Amino acid sequence: MCSINSLYLVWGLRKSHHLYSLRGAKAMGRKQTGFTLVEIAIVLVIIGLLLGGILKGQEMITQAKIKNVVADFSGISAAYYG
């Protein structure tokens, strides 16, 4: 069986002043707050792609409606002349 200390080592935890804390920025005395510029840039790119796709989809729907109206008008003209 594993001891509790070896489990904490496997999970990346260490004992400091009777508390177990994560290794990394907090262990070095530096607190991580907010988002990095890369994270914000990625989120903005994803939002831009989603909005672009939605707008392009709406444009395609509008174009399809216009084509249906033109096709109906052509059919009515052909029926009238026939």
PDB file of N, CA and C in Angstrom:
ATOM      1  N   MET A   1       0.833  -1.188   0.000  1.00  0.00           N
ATOM      2  CA  MET A   1       0.000   0.000   0.000  1.00  0.00           C
ATOM      3  C   MET A   1       0.876   1.250   0.000  1.00  0.00           C
ATOM      4  N   CYS A   2       0.361   2.299  -0.576  1.00  0.00           N
ATOM      5  CA  CYS A   2       1.084   3.562  -0.626  1.00  0.00           C
ATOM      6  C   CYS A   2       0.739   4.396   0.598  1.00  0.00           C
ATOM      7  N   SER A   3       1.711   5.143   1.044  1.00  0.00           N
ATOM      8  CA  SER A   3       1.428   6.049   2.156  1.00  0.00           C
ATOM      9  C   SER A   3       0.804   7.327   1.619  1.00  0.00           C
ATOM     10  N   ILE A   4       0.222   8.090   2.514  1.00  0.00           N
ATOM     11  CA  ILE A   4      -0.449   9.326   2.092  1.00  0.00           C
ATOM     12  C   ILE A   4       0.554  10.321   1.531  1.00  0.00           C
ATOM     13  N   ASN A   5       1.786  10.336   2.070  1.00  0.00           N
ATOM     14  CA  ASN A   5       2.797  11.258   1.556  1.00  0.00           C
ATOM     15  C   ASN A   5       3.210  10.901   0.131  1.00  0.00           C
ATOM     16  N   SER A   6       3.305   9.608  -0.179  1.00  0.00           N
ATOM     17  CA  SER A   6       3.670   9.230  -1.544  1.00  0.00           C
ATOM     18  C   SER A   6       2.539   9.555  -2.513  1.00  0.00           C
ATOM     19  N   LEU A   7       1.290   9.465  -2.060  1.00  0.00           N
ATOM     20  CA  LEU A   7       0.170   9.866  -2.930  1.00  0.00           C
ATOM     21  C   LEU A   7       0.213  11.356  -3.226  1.00  0.00           C
ATOM     22  N   TYR A   8       0.543  12.150  -2.208  1.00  0.00           N
ATOM     23  CA  TYR A   8       0.640  13.589  -2.447  1.00  0.00           C
ATOM     24  C   TYR A   8       1.763  13.903  -3.425  1.00  0.00           C
ATOM     25  N   LEU A   9       2.869  13.160  -3.349  1.00  0.00           N
ATOM     26  CA  LEU A   9       3.961  13.378  -4.295  1.00  0.00           C
ATOM     27  C   LEU A   9       3.545  13.003  -5.708  1.00  0.00           C
ATOM     28  N   VAL A  10       2.783  11.911  -5.852  1.00  0.00           N
ATOM     29  CA  VAL A  10       2.324  11.486  -7.177  1.00  0.00           C
ATOM     30  C   VAL A  10       1.390  12.537  -7.764  1.00  0.00           C
ATOM     31  N   TRP A  11       0.533  13.127  -6.941  1.00  0.00           N
ATOM     32  CA  TRP A  11      -0.435  14.129  -7.429  1.00  0.00           C
ATOM     33  C   TRP A  11       0.179  15.507  -7.604  1.00  0.00           C
ATOM     34  N   GLY A  12       1.460  15.663  -7.274  1.00  0.00           N
ATOM     35  CA  GLY A  12       2.120  16.955  -7.451  1.00  0.00           C
ATOM     36  C   GLY A  12       1.877  17.889  -6.288  1.00  0.00           C
ATOM     37  N   LEU A  13       1.589  17.364  -5.116  1.00  0.00           N
ATOM     38  CA  LEU A  13       1.353  18.197  -3.952  1.00  0.00           C
ATOM     39  C   LEU A  13       2.557  18.108  -3.024  1.00  0.00           C
ATOM     40  N   ARG A  14       2.771  19.103  -2.224  1.00  0.00           N
ATOM     41  CA  ARG A  14       3.852  19.046  -1.253  1.00  0.00           C
ATOM     42  C   ARG A  14       3.355  19.621   0.066  1.00  0.00           C
ATOM     43  N   LYS A  15       3.987  19.194   1.130  1.00  0.00           N
ATOM     44  CA  LYS A  15       3.575  19.618   2.466  1.00  0.00           C
ATOM     45  C   LYS A  15       4.331  20.887   2.828  1.00  0.00           C
ATOM     46  N   SER A  16       3.592  21.937   3.216  1.00  0.00           N
ATOM     47  CA  SER A  16       4.236  23.165   3.658  1.00  0.00           C
ATOM     48  C   SER A  16       3.413  23.751   4.800  1.00  0.00           C
ATOM     49  N   HIS A  17       4.009  23.869   5.943  1.00  0.00           N
ATOM     50  CA  HIS A  17       3.356  24.432   7.133  1.00  0.00           C
ATOM     51  C   HIS A  17       2.035  23.733   7.434  1.00  0.00           C
ATOM     52  N   HIS A  18       2.042  22.423   7.437  1.00  0.00           N
ATOM     53  CA  HIS A  18       0.892  21.594   7.770  1.00  0.00           C
ATOM     54  C   HIS A  18      -0.237  21.691   6.749  1.00  0.00           C
ATOM     55  N   LEU A  19      -0.011  22.316   5.608  1.00  0.00           N
ATOM     56  CA  LEU A  19      -1.008  22.383   4.539  1.00  0.00           C
ATOM     57  C   LEU A  19      -0.397  21.815   3.275  1.00  0.00           C
ATOM     58  N   TYR A  20      -1.223  21.193   2.458  1.00  0.00           N
ATOM     59  CA  TYR A  20      -0.740  20.676   1.189  1.00  0.00           C
ATOM     60  C   TYR A  20      -1.104  21.676   0.101  1.00  0.00           C
ATOM     61  N   SER A  21      -0.124  22.102  -0.657  1.00  0.00           N
ATOM     62  CA  SER A  21      -0.372  23.096  -1.696  1.00  0.00           C
ATOM     63  C   SER A  21       0.177  22.585  -3.016  1.00  0.00           C
ATOM     64  N   LEU A  22      -0.350  23.097  -4.097  1.00  0.00           N
ATOM     65  CA  LEU A  22       0.104  22.710  -5.429  1.00  0.00           C
ATOM     66  C   LEU A  22       1.476  23.295  -5.713  1.00  0.00           C
ATOM     67  N   ARG A  23       2.280  22.528  -6.459  1.00  0.00           N
ATOM     68  CA  ARG A  23       3.560  23.059  -6.913  1.00  0.00           C
ATOM     69  C   ARG A  23       3.300  24.021  -8.057  1.00  0.00           C
ATOM     70  N   GLY A  24       4.201  24.936  -8.288  1.00  0.00           N
ATOM     71  CA  GLY A  24       4.069  25.833  -9.426  1.00  0.00           C
ATOM     72  C   GLY A  24       4.159  27.277  -8.989  1.00  0.00           C
ATOM     73  N   ALA A  25       3.344  28.120  -9.620  1.00  0.00           N
ATOM     74  CA  ALA A  25       3.419  29.560  -9.394  1.00  0.00           C
ATOM     75  C   ALA A  25       3.131  29.917  -7.936  1.00  0.00           C
ATOM     76  N   LYS A  26       2.160  29.263  -7.339  1.00  0.00           N
ATOM     77  CA  LYS A  26       1.819  29.584  -5.962  1.00  0.00           C
ATOM     78  C   LYS A  26       2.922  29.135  -5.008  1.00  0.00           C
ATOM     79  N   ALA A  27       3.569  28.009  -5.306  1.00  0.00           N
ATOM     80  CA  ALA A  27       4.629  27.516  -4.441  1.00  0.00           C
ATOM     81  C   ALA A  27       5.856  28.421  -4.513  1.00  0.00           C
ATOM     82  N   MET A  28       6.036  29.112  -5.630  1.00  0.00           N
ATOM     83  CA  MET A  28       7.178  29.993  -5.788  1.00  0.00           C
ATOM     84  C   MET A  28       6.927  31.362  -5.164  1.00  0.00           C
ATOM     85  N   GLY A  29       5.753  31.595  -4.600  1.00  0.00           N
ATOM     86  CA  GLY A  29       5.455  32.882  -3.997  1.00  0.00           C
ATOM     87  C   GLY A  29       4.778  33.838  -4.966  1.00  0.00           C
ATOM     88  N   ARG A  30       4.517  33.407  -6.174  1.00  0.00           N
ATOM     89  CA  ARG A  30       3.900  34.257  -7.192  1.00  0.00           C
ATOM     90  C   ARG A  30       2.485  33.774  -7.416  1.00  0.00           C
ATOM     91  N   LYS A  31       1.522  34.637  -7.254  1.00  0.00           N
ATOM     92  CA  LYS A  31       0.126  34.246  -7.445  1.00  0.00           C
ATOM     93  C   LYS A  31      -0.285  34.474  -8.895  1.00  0.00           C
ATOM     94  N   GLN A  32      -1.052  33.543  -9.424  1.00  0.00           N
ATOM     95  CA  GLN A  32      -1.533  33.662 -10.790  1.00  0.00           C
ATOM     96  C   GLN A  32      -2.928  34.277 -10.739  1.00  0.00           C
ATOM     97  N   THR A  33      -3.074  35.432 -11.346  1.00  0.00           N
ATOM     98  CA  THR A  33      -4.379  36.083 -11.392  1.00  0.00           C
ATOM     99  C   THR A  33      -4.660  36.504 -12.821  1.00  0.00           C
ATOM    100  N   GLY A  34      -5.917  36.409 -13.233  1.00  0.00           N
ATOM    101  CA  GLY A  34      -6.318  36.854 -14.558  1.00  0.00           C
ATOM    102  C   GLY A  34      -5.968  35.855 -15.649  1.00  0.00           C
ATOM    103  N   PHE A  35      -6.135  36.304 -16.885  1.00  0.00           N
ATOM    104  CA  PHE A  35      -5.872  35.481 -18.060  1.00  0.00           C
ATOM    105  C   PHE A  35      -4.634  35.994 -18.771  1.00  0.00           C
ATOM    106  N   THR A  36      -3.947  35.111 -19.490  1.00  0.00           N
ATOM    107  CA  THR A  36      -2.802  35.537 -20.281  1.00  0.00           C
ATOM    108  C   THR A  36      -3.303  36.084 -21.617  1.00  0.00           C
ATOM    109  N   LEU A  37      -2.432  36.785 -22.297  1.00  0.00           N
ATOM    110  CA  LEU A  37      -2.797  37.356 -23.601  1.00  0.00           C
ATOM    111  C   LEU A  37      -3.094  36.257 -24.618  1.00  0.00           C
ATOM    112  N   VAL A  38      -2.388  35.151 -24.521  1.00  0.00           N
ATOM    113  CA  VAL A  38      -2.617  34.046 -25.456  1.00  0.00           C
ATOM    114  C   VAL A  38      -4.016  33.467 -25.256  1.00  0.00           C
ATOM    115  N   GLU A  39      -4.422  33.293 -24.001  1.00  0.00           N
ATOM    116  CA  GLU A  39      -5.760  32.770 -23.730  1.00  0.00           C
ATOM    117  C   GLU A  39      -6.843  33.706 -24.248  1.00  0.00           C
ATOM    118  N   ILE A  40      -6.669  34.993 -24.033  1.00  0.00           N
ATOM    119  CA  ILE A  40      -7.651  35.965 -24.522  1.00  0.00           C
ATOM    120  C   ILE A  40      -7.684  35.970 -26.044  1.00  0.00           C
ATOM    121  N   ALA A  41      -6.526  35.875 -26.680  1.00  0.00           N
ATOM    122  CA  ALA A  41      -6.466  35.858 -28.146  1.00  0.00           C
ATOM    123  C   ALA A  41      -7.175  34.630 -28.704  1.00  0.00           C
ATOM    124  N   ILE A  42      -6.973  33.479 -28.082  1.00  0.00           N
ATOM    125  CA  ILE A  42      -7.625  32.254 -28.556  1.00  0.00           C
ATOM    126  C   ILE A  42      -9.135  32.366 -28.432  1.00  0.00           C
ATOM    127  N   VAL A  43      -9.608  32.894 -27.308  1.00  0.00           N
ATOM    128  CA  VAL A  43     -11.052  33.066 -27.116  1.00  0.00           C
ATOM    129  C   VAL A  43     -11.621  34.022 -28.160  1.00  0.00           C
ATOM    130  N   LEU A  44     -10.920  35.114 -28.428  1.00  0.00           N
ATOM    131  CA  LEU A  44     -11.403  36.075 -29.429  1.00  0.00           C
ATOM    132  C   LEU A  44     -11.436  35.465 -30.825  1.00  0.00           C
ATOM    133  N   VAL A  45     -10.452  34.644 -31.157  1.00  0.00           N
ATOM    134  CA  VAL A  45     -10.441  33.978 -32.467  1.00  0.00           C
ATOM    135  C   VAL A  45     -11.629  33.034 -32.583  1.00  0.00           C
ATOM    136  N   ILE A  46     -11.897  32.271 -31.523  1.00  0.00           N
ATOM    137  CA  ILE A  46     -13.028  31.338 -31.556  1.00  0.00           C
ATOM    138  C   ILE A  46     -14.340  32.094 -31.690  1.00  0.00           C
ATOM    139  N   ILE A  47     -14.505  33.181 -30.946  1.00  0.00           N
ATOM    140  CA  ILE A  47     -15.736  33.983 -31.052  1.00  0.00           C
ATOM    141  C   ILE A  47     -15.874  34.560 -32.449  1.00  0.00           C
ATOM    142  N   GLY A  48     -14.777  35.032 -33.025  1.00  0.00           N
ATOM    143  CA  GLY A  48     -14.813  35.568 -34.386  1.00  0.00           C
ATOM    144  C   GLY A  48     -15.215  34.527 -35.416  1.00  0.00           C
ATOM    145  N   LEU A  49     -14.677  33.318 -35.260  1.00  0.00           N
ATOM    146  CA  LEU A  49     -15.048  32.244 -36.194  1.00  0.00           C
ATOM    147  C   LEU A  49     -16.523  31.880 -36.067  1.00  0.00           C
ATOM    148  N   LEU A  50     -17.024  31.822 -34.833  1.00  0.00           N
ATOM    149  CA  LEU A  50     -18.445  31.512 -34.640  1.00  0.00           C
ATOM    150  C   LEU A  50     -19.338  32.596 -35.237  1.00  0.00           C
ATOM    151  N   LEU A  51     -19.003  33.851 -34.983  1.00  0.00           N
ATOM    152  CA  LEU A  51     -19.813  34.942 -35.540  1.00  0.00           C
ATOM    153  C   LEU A  51     -19.736  34.961 -37.063  1.00  0.00           C
ATOM    154  N   GLY A  52     -18.556  34.721 -37.608  1.00  0.00           N
ATOM    155  CA  GLY A  52     -18.415  34.670 -39.064  1.00  0.00           C
ATOM    156  C   GLY A  52     -19.250  33.563 -39.670  1.00  0.00           C
ATOM    157  N   GLY A  53     -19.250  32.396 -39.031  1.00  0.00           N
ATOM    158  CA  GLY A  53     -20.054  31.274 -39.520  1.00  0.00           C
ATOM    159  C   GLY A  53     -21.538  31.566 -39.450  1.00  0.00           C
ATOM    160  N   ILE A  54     -21.971  32.196 -38.370  1.00  0.00           N
ATOM    161  CA  ILE A  54     -23.391  32.533 -38.229  1.00  0.00           C
ATOM    162  C   ILE A  54     -23.810  33.544 -39.291  1.00  0.00           C
ATOM    163  N   LEU A  55     -23.000  34.571 -39.485  1.00  0.00           N
ATOM    164  CA  LEU A  55     -23.342  35.592 -40.486  1.00  0.00           C
ATOM    165  C   LEU A  55     -23.335  35.015 -41.896  1.00  0.00           C
ATOM    166  N   LYS A  56     -22.378  34.148 -42.188  1.00  0.00           N
ATOM    167  CA  LYS A  56     -22.324  33.519 -43.510  1.00  0.00           C
ATOM    168  C   LYS A  56     -23.538  32.618 -43.716  1.00  0.00           C
ATOM    169  N   GLY A  57     -23.950  31.897 -42.673  1.00  0.00           N
ATOM    170  CA  GLY A  57     -25.141  31.049 -42.763  1.00  0.00           C
ATOM    171  C   GLY A  57     -26.403  31.859 -43.020  1.00  0.00           C
ATOM    172  N   GLN A  58     -26.533  32.988 -42.344  1.00  0.00           N
ATOM    173  CA  GLN A  58     -27.697  33.852 -42.574  1.00  0.00           C
ATOM    174  C   GLN A  58     -27.695  34.398 -43.997  1.00  0.00           C
ATOM    175  N   GLU A  59     -26.520  34.750 -44.501  1.00  0.00           N
ATOM    176  CA  GLU A  59     -26.422  35.246 -45.877  1.00  0.00           C
ATOM    177  C   GLU A  59     -26.827  34.164 -46.873  1.00  0.00           C
ATOM    178  N   MET A  60     -26.419  32.930 -46.622  1.00  0.00           N
ATOM    179  CA  MET A  60     -26.783  31.831 -47.518  1.00  0.00           C
ATOM    180  C   MET A  60     -28.287  31.581 -47.494  1.00  0.00           C
ATOM    181  N   ILE A  61     -28.907  31.701 -46.327  1.00  0.00           N
ATOM    182  CA  ILE A  61     -30.364  31.528 -46.223  1.00  0.00           C
ATOM    183  C   ILE A  61     -31.077  32.619 -47.006  1.00  0.00           C
ATOM    184  N   THR A  62     -30.612  33.851 -46.881  1.00  0.00           N
ATOM    185  CA  THR A  62     -31.222  34.968 -47.620  1.00  0.00           C
ATOM    186  C   THR A  62     -31.082  34.766 -49.117  1.00  0.00           C
ATOM    187  N   GLN A  63     -29.898  34.336 -49.572  1.00  0.00           N
ATOM    188  CA  GLN A  63     -29.685  34.092 -50.995  1.00  0.00           C
ATOM    189  C   GLN A  63     -30.586  32.976 -51.511  1.00  0.00           C
ATOM    190  N   ALA A  64     -30.784  31.935 -50.701  1.00  0.00           N
ATOM    191  CA  ALA A  64     -31.666  30.841 -51.116  1.00  0.00           C
ATOM    192  C   ALA A  64     -33.107  31.315 -51.251  1.00  0.00           C
ATOM    193  N   LYS A  65     -33.555  32.188 -50.360  1.00  0.00           N
ATOM    194  CA  LYS A  65     -34.917  32.733 -50.447  1.00  0.00           C
ATOM    195  C   LYS A  65     -35.079  33.569 -51.717  1.00  0.00           C
ATOM    196  N   ILE A  66     -34.051  34.363 -52.026  1.00  0.00           N
ATOM    197  CA  ILE A  66     -34.115  35.194 -53.245  1.00  0.00           C
ATOM    198  C   ILE A  66     -34.168  34.298 -54.479  1.00  0.00           C
ATOM    199  N   LYS A  67     -33.366  33.240 -54.500  1.00  0.00           N
ATOM    200  CA  LYS A  67     -33.373  32.332 -55.654  1.00  0.00           C
ATOM    201  C   LYS A  67     -34.732  31.641 -55.800  1.00  0.00           C
ATOM    202  N   ASN A  68     -35.374  31.304 -54.684  1.00  0.00           N
ATOM    203  CA  ASN A  68     -36.707  30.701 -54.750  1.00  0.00           C
ATOM    204  C   ASN A  68     -37.735  31.664 -55.333  1.00  0.00           C
ATOM    205  N   VAL A  69     -37.650  32.929 -54.938  1.00  0.00           N
ATOM    206  CA  VAL A  69     -38.590  33.929 -55.472  1.00  0.00           C
ATOM    207  C   VAL A  69     -38.375  34.106 -56.973  1.00  0.00           C
ATOM    208  N   VAL A  70     -37.114  34.169 -57.408  1.00  0.00           N
ATOM    209  CA  VAL A  70     -36.822  34.318 -58.844  1.00  0.00           C
ATOM    210  C   VAL A  70     -37.317  33.098 -59.612  1.00  0.00           C
ATOM    211  N   ALA A  71     -37.092  31.884 -59.040  1.00  0.00           N
ATOM    212  CA  ALA A  71     -37.551  30.669 -59.715  1.00  0.00           C
ATOM    213  C   ALA A  71     -39.080  30.641 -59.803  1.00  0.00           C
ATOM    214  N   ASP A  72     -39.765  31.062 -58.741  1.00  0.00           N
ATOM    215  CA  ASP A  72     -41.237  31.124 -58.777  1.00  0.00           C
ATOM    216  C   ASP A  72     -41.716  32.115 -59.825  1.00  0.00           C
ATOM    217  N   PHE A  73     -41.060  33.266 -59.897  1.00  0.00           N
ATOM    218  CA  PHE A  73     -41.445  34.261 -60.888  1.00  0.00           C
ATOM    219  C   PHE A  73     -41.234  33.734 -62.305  1.00  0.00           C
ATOM    220  N   SER A  74     -40.118  33.004 -62.526  1.00  0.00           N
ATOM    221  CA  SER A  74     -39.882  32.396 -63.846  1.00  0.00           C
ATOM    222  C   SER A  74     -40.968  31.386 -64.176  1.00  0.00           C
ATOM    223  N   GLY A  75     -41.347  30.585 -63.178  1.00  0.00           N
ATOM    224  CA  GLY A  75     -42.411  29.602 -63.403  1.00  0.00           C
ATOM    225  C   GLY A  75     -43.725  30.262 -63.734  1.00  0.00           C
ATOM    226  N   ILE A  76     -44.038  31.353 -63.075  1.00  0.00           N
ATOM    227  CA  ILE A  76     -45.291  32.073 -63.354  1.00  0.00           C
ATOM    228  C   ILE A  76     -45.246  32.658 -64.763  1.00  0.00           C
ATOM    229  N   SER A  77     -44.092  33.216 -65.152  1.00  0.00           N
ATOM    230  CA  SER A  77     -43.949  33.762 -66.526  1.00  0.00           C
ATOM    231  C   SER A  77     -44.127  32.669 -67.561  1.00  0.00           C
ATOM    232  N   ALA A  78     -43.490  31.525 -67.326  1.00  0.00           N
ATOM    233  CA  ALA A  78     -43.606  30.415 -68.297  1.00  0.00           C
ATOM    234  C   ALA A  78     -45.044  29.926 -68.374  1.00  0.00           C
ATOM    235  N   ALA A  79     -45.716  29.854 -67.252  1.00  0.00           N
ATOM    236  CA  ALA A  79     -47.115  29.419 -67.262  1.00  0.00           C
ATOM    237  C   ALA A  79     -48.003  30.429 -67.999  1.00  0.00           C
ATOM    238  N   TYR A  80     -47.723  31.703 -67.824  1.00  0.00           N
ATOM    239  CA  TYR A  80     -48.531  32.740 -68.488  1.00  0.00           C
ATOM    240  C   TYR A  80     -48.352  32.672 -70.007  1.00  0.00           C
ATOM    241  N   TYR A  81     -47.109  32.521 -70.435  1.00  0.00           N
ATOM    242  CA  TYR A  81     -46.852  32.468 -71.892  1.00  0.00           C
ATOM    243  C   TYR A  81     -47.268  31.137 -72.479  1.00  0.00           C
ATOM    244  N   GLY A  82     -47.351  30.099 -71.655  1.00  0.00           N
ATOM    245  CA  GLY A  82     -47.745  28.775 -72.151  1.00  0.00           C
ATOM    246  C   GLY A  82     -49.224  28.725 -72.360  1.00  0.00           C
TER     247      GLY A  82
END
